[in-house]
């Protein structure tokens, strides 16, 4: 599929949903819009890690295919996602500043892609595509 400037982009597998966890509604909306532009069928939004885990569990019960998690909720949230068997293979794009991203990992967590804040649209798109390709969630 031709994207902006005629560049070929990978297509997102049909019916794939993204989860955005961000405590600022305007940024959450911005990220959700970018993900929909990339081809995600729907985006689930959560303001914190507790809400995100609840929505992930609900999505699993309803058979919703969550293909990527975009989060600023931090490493504890990521650890809880990785420790839950139904979610441990969902790729995660972690948003944060350099010191947060550099200092918080006290154990190796697989398939984490980090993006520095403020989020650049093209960099964000590249990182989400990288996360999807690592997990084979794209077509």
C-alpha atoms as a PDB file:
ATOM      1  CA  UNK A   1       0.000   0.000   0.000  1.00  0.00           C
ATOM      2  CA  UNK A   2       1.400   3.406  -0.929  1.00  0.00           C
ATOM      3  CA  UNK A   3       1.727   5.683   2.059  1.00  0.00           C
ATOM      4  CA  UNK A   4       2.643   9.308   2.412  1.00  0.00           C
ATOM      5  CA  UNK A   5       5.009  10.469  -0.344  1.00  0.00           C
ATOM      6  CA  UNK A   6       4.323   7.283  -2.334  1.00  0.00           C
ATOM      7  CA  UNK A   7       6.489   5.135  -0.052  1.00  0.00           C
ATOM      8  CA  UNK A   8       5.358   1.519   0.347  1.00  0.00           C
ATOM      9  CA  UNK A   9       4.192   0.665   3.847  1.00  0.00           C
ATOM     10  CA  UNK A  10       3.524  -2.691   5.435  1.00  0.00           C
ATOM     11  CA  UNK A  11      -0.134  -3.368   5.844  1.00  0.00           C
ATOM     12  CA  UNK A  12      -1.472  -4.103   9.288  1.00  0.00           C
ATOM     13  CA  UNK A  13      -3.205  -7.458   9.567  1.00  0.00           C
ATOM     14  CA  UNK A  14      -7.018  -7.005   9.399  1.00  0.00           C
ATOM     15  CA  UNK A  15      -8.947  -6.769  12.679  1.00  0.00           C
ATOM     16  CA  UNK A  16      -5.839  -5.895  14.679  1.00  0.00           C
ATOM     17  CA  UNK A  17      -6.370  -3.657  17.718  1.00  0.00           C
ATOM     18  CA  UNK A  18      -3.862  -1.469  19.551  1.00  0.00           C
ATOM     19  CA  UNK A  19      -3.890  -0.517  23.233  1.00  0.00           C
ATOM     20  CA  UNK A  20      -2.661   2.971  24.165  1.00  0.00           C
ATOM     21  CA  UNK A  21      -1.863   3.641  27.824  1.00  0.00           C
ATOM     22  CA  UNK A  22      -1.191   7.313  28.447  1.00  0.00           C
ATOM     23  CA  UNK A  23      -2.226   9.593  31.314  1.00  0.00           C
ATOM     24  CA  UNK A  24      -2.732  12.704  29.140  1.00  0.00           C
ATOM     25  CA  UNK A  25      -5.927  12.456  27.050  1.00  0.00           C
ATOM     26  CA  UNK A  26      -4.662  14.725  24.262  1.00  0.00           C
ATOM     27  CA  UNK A  27      -1.532  12.620  23.727  1.00  0.00           C
ATOM     28  CA  UNK A  28      -3.535   9.404  23.993  1.00  0.00           C
ATOM     29  CA  UNK A  29      -5.877  10.745  21.281  1.00  0.00           C
ATOM     30  CA  UNK A  30      -2.908  11.739  19.098  1.00  0.00           C
ATOM     31  CA  UNK A  31      -1.312   8.288  19.389  1.00  0.00           C
ATOM     32  CA  UNK A  32      -4.644   6.552  18.734  1.00  0.00           C
ATOM     33  CA  UNK A  33      -5.117   8.657  15.598  1.00  0.00           C
ATOM     34  CA  UNK A  34      -1.615   7.776  14.345  1.00  0.00           C
ATOM     35  CA  UNK A  35      -2.294   4.058  14.922  1.00  0.00           C
ATOM     36  CA  UNK A  36      -5.589   4.195  13.034  1.00  0.00           C
ATOM     37  CA  UNK A  37      -3.827   5.974  10.157  1.00  0.00           C
ATOM     38  CA  UNK A  38      -1.335   3.100  10.137  1.00  0.00           C
ATOM     39  CA  UNK A  39      -4.200   0.657   9.606  1.00  0.00           C
ATOM     40  CA  UNK A  40      -5.195  -0.603  13.037  1.00  0.00           C
ATOM     41  CA  UNK A  41      -8.861  -1.573  13.028  1.00  0.00           C
ATOM     42  CA  UNK A  42      -9.464  -0.067  16.452  1.00  0.00           C
ATOM     43  CA  UNK A  43      -7.617   1.430  19.393  1.00  0.00           C
ATOM     44  CA  UNK A  44      -8.397   0.820  23.058  1.00  0.00           C
ATOM     45  CA  UNK A  45      -7.399   3.728  25.293  1.00  0.00           C
ATOM     46  CA  UNK A  46      -6.492   3.590  28.990  1.00  0.00           C
ATOM     47  CA  UNK A  47      -5.349   6.352  31.332  1.00  0.00           C
ATOM     48  CA  UNK A  48      -3.320   4.116  33.669  1.00  0.00           C
ATOM     49  CA  UNK A  49      -1.907   0.618  34.067  1.00  0.00           C
ATOM     50  CA  UNK A  50      -4.812  -0.677  36.167  1.00  0.00           C
ATOM     51  CA  UNK A  51      -7.346   0.364  33.525  1.00  0.00           C
ATOM     52  CA  UNK A  52      -5.096  -1.046  30.805  1.00  0.00           C
ATOM     53  CA  UNK A  53      -4.880  -4.488  32.437  1.00  0.00           C
ATOM     54  CA  UNK A  54      -8.642  -4.533  32.908  1.00  0.00           C
ATOM     55  CA  UNK A  55      -9.198  -3.637  29.254  1.00  0.00           C
ATOM     56  CA  UNK A  56      -6.659  -6.226  28.097  1.00  0.00           C
ATOM     57  CA  UNK A  57      -8.447  -8.935  30.072  1.00  0.00           C
ATOM     58  CA  UNK A  58     -11.805  -7.850  28.655  1.00  0.00           C
ATOM     59  CA  UNK A  59     -10.409  -7.808  25.107  1.00  0.00           C
ATOM     60  CA  UNK A  60      -9.078 -11.341  25.568  1.00  0.00           C
ATOM     61  CA  UNK A  61     -12.454 -12.569  26.827  1.00  0.00           C
ATOM     62  CA  UNK A  62     -14.157 -11.000  23.811  1.00  0.00           C
ATOM     63  CA  UNK A  63     -11.631 -12.482  21.363  1.00  0.00           C
ATOM     64  CA  UNK A  64     -10.216  -9.090  20.365  1.00  0.00           C
ATOM     65  CA  UNK A  65      -6.757  -9.402  18.799  1.00  0.00           C
ATOM     66  CA  UNK A  66      -4.524  -6.841  20.541  1.00  0.00           C
ATOM     67  CA  UNK A  67      -1.462  -6.568  18.326  1.00  0.00           C
ATOM     68  CA  UNK A  68       0.572  -3.879  20.061  1.00  0.00           C
ATOM     69  CA  UNK A  69       0.638  -1.925  23.318  1.00  0.00           C
ATOM     70  CA  UNK A  70       1.848   1.691  23.320  1.00  0.00           C
ATOM     71  CA  UNK A  71       2.480   2.853  26.874  1.00  0.00           C
ATOM     72  CA  UNK A  72       4.009   5.488  29.085  1.00  0.00           C
ATOM     73  CA  UNK A  73       2.887   3.549  32.178  1.00  0.00           C
ATOM     74  CA  UNK A  74       6.392   2.359  32.954  1.00  0.00           C
ATOM     75  CA  UNK A  75       8.278  -0.808  33.596  1.00  0.00           C
ATOM     76  CA  UNK A  76       6.029  -2.179  36.360  1.00  0.00           C
ATOM     77  CA  UNK A  77       3.110  -2.227  33.930  1.00  0.00           C
ATOM     78  CA  UNK A  78       5.267  -3.941  31.316  1.00  0.00           C
ATOM     79  CA  UNK A  79       6.361  -6.558  33.844  1.00  0.00           C
ATOM     80  CA  UNK A  80       2.752  -7.256  34.789  1.00  0.00           C
ATOM     81  CA  UNK A  81       1.837  -7.634  31.109  1.00  0.00           C
ATOM     82  CA  UNK A  82       4.776  -9.979  30.530  1.00  0.00           C
ATOM     83  CA  UNK A  83       3.889 -12.033  33.618  1.00  0.00           C
ATOM     84  CA  UNK A  84       0.322 -12.623  32.403  1.00  0.00           C
ATOM     85  CA  UNK A  85       0.441 -15.637  30.020  1.00  0.00           C
ATOM     86  CA  UNK A  86      -2.269 -14.400  27.650  1.00  0.00           C
ATOM     87  CA  UNK A  87      -0.403 -11.114  27.062  1.00  0.00           C
ATOM     88  CA  UNK A  88       3.273 -12.002  27.279  1.00  0.00           C
ATOM     89  CA  UNK A  89       3.876 -12.049  23.513  1.00  0.00           C
ATOM     90  CA  UNK A  90       2.147  -8.758  22.665  1.00  0.00           C
ATOM     91  CA  UNK A  91       4.835  -6.317  21.485  1.00  0.00           C
ATOM     92  CA  UNK A  92       5.182  -3.147  23.538  1.00  0.00           C
ATOM     93  CA  UNK A  93       6.284   0.321  22.480  1.00  0.00           C
ATOM     94  CA  UNK A  94       7.386   2.157  25.627  1.00  0.00           C
ATOM     95  CA  UNK A  95       7.294   5.956  25.617  1.00  0.00           C
ATOM     96  CA  UNK A  96       9.443   8.022  27.948  1.00  0.00           C
ATOM     97  CA  UNK A  97      12.375  10.357  28.340  1.00  0.00           C
ATOM     98  CA  UNK A  98      15.943   9.119  28.033  1.00  0.00           C
ATOM     99  CA  UNK A  99      16.633   8.785  31.757  1.00  0.00           C
ATOM    100  CA  UNK A 100      13.388   6.842  32.316  1.00  0.00           C
ATOM    101  CA  UNK A 101      14.049   4.474  29.460  1.00  0.00           C
ATOM    102  CA  UNK A 102      17.707   4.035  30.385  1.00  0.00           C
ATOM    103  CA  UNK A 103      17.344   3.593  34.147  1.00  0.00           C
ATOM    104  CA  UNK A 104      14.186   1.564  34.737  1.00  0.00           C
ATOM    105  CA  UNK A 105      15.025  -1.858  33.348  1.00  0.00           C
ATOM    106  CA  UNK A 106      16.298  -4.058  36.163  1.00  0.00           C
ATOM    107  CA  UNK A 107      15.726  -7.264  34.211  1.00  0.00           C
ATOM    108  CA  UNK A 108      15.634  -8.200  30.576  1.00  0.00           C
ATOM    109  CA  UNK A 109      12.155  -7.801  29.128  1.00  0.00           C
ATOM    110  CA  UNK A 110      11.711  -9.126  25.614  1.00  0.00           C
ATOM    111  CA  UNK A 111      10.239  -7.282  22.654  1.00  0.00           C
ATOM    112  CA  UNK A 112      10.283  -3.785  24.114  1.00  0.00           C
ATOM    113  CA  UNK A 113      10.742  -0.948  21.644  1.00  0.00           C
ATOM    114  CA  UNK A 114      11.523   2.428  23.228  1.00  0.00           C
ATOM    115  CA  UNK A 115      10.507   5.830  21.861  1.00  0.00           C
ATOM    116  CA  UNK A 116      11.734   9.075  23.361  1.00  0.00           C
ATOM    117  CA  UNK A 117       9.236  11.799  24.258  1.00  0.00           C
ATOM    118  CA  UNK A 118       8.195  14.048  22.635  1.00  0.00           C
ATOM    119  CA  UNK A 119       6.959  11.552  20.067  1.00  0.00           C
ATOM    120  CA  UNK A 120       7.904  12.265  16.456  1.00  0.00           C
ATOM    121  CA  UNK A 121       5.201  10.958  14.092  1.00  0.00           C
ATOM    122  CA  UNK A 122       7.582   9.242  11.659  1.00  0.00           C
ATOM    123  CA  UNK A 123       9.750   7.761  14.420  1.00  0.00           C
ATOM    124  CA  UNK A 124       6.636   6.486  16.194  1.00  0.00           C
ATOM    125  CA  UNK A 125       5.372   4.819  13.029  1.00  0.00           C
ATOM    126  CA  UNK A 126       8.776   3.184  12.444  1.00  0.00           C
ATOM    127  CA  UNK A 127       8.931   1.869  16.021  1.00  0.00           C
ATOM    128  CA  UNK A 128       5.411   0.416  15.872  1.00  0.00           C
ATOM    129  CA  UNK A 129       6.275  -1.285  12.561  1.00  0.00           C
ATOM    130  CA  UNK A 130       9.473  -2.635  14.155  1.00  0.00           C
ATOM    131  CA  UNK A 131       7.490  -4.025  17.103  1.00  0.00           C
ATOM    132  CA  UNK A 132       4.971  -5.648  14.769  1.00  0.00           C
ATOM    133  CA  UNK A 133       7.638  -7.203  12.576  1.00  0.00           C
ATOM    134  CA  UNK A 134       9.358  -8.702  15.633  1.00  0.00           C
ATOM    135  CA  UNK A 135       6.116 -10.381  16.647  1.00  0.00           C
ATOM    136  CA  UNK A 136       4.922 -11.265  13.130  1.00  0.00           C
ATOM    137  CA  UNK A 137       1.682  -9.334  13.755  1.00  0.00           C
ATOM    138  CA  UNK A 138       1.840  -7.643  10.374  1.00  0.00           C
ATOM    139  CA  UNK A 139       0.805  -9.197   7.069  1.00  0.00           C
END
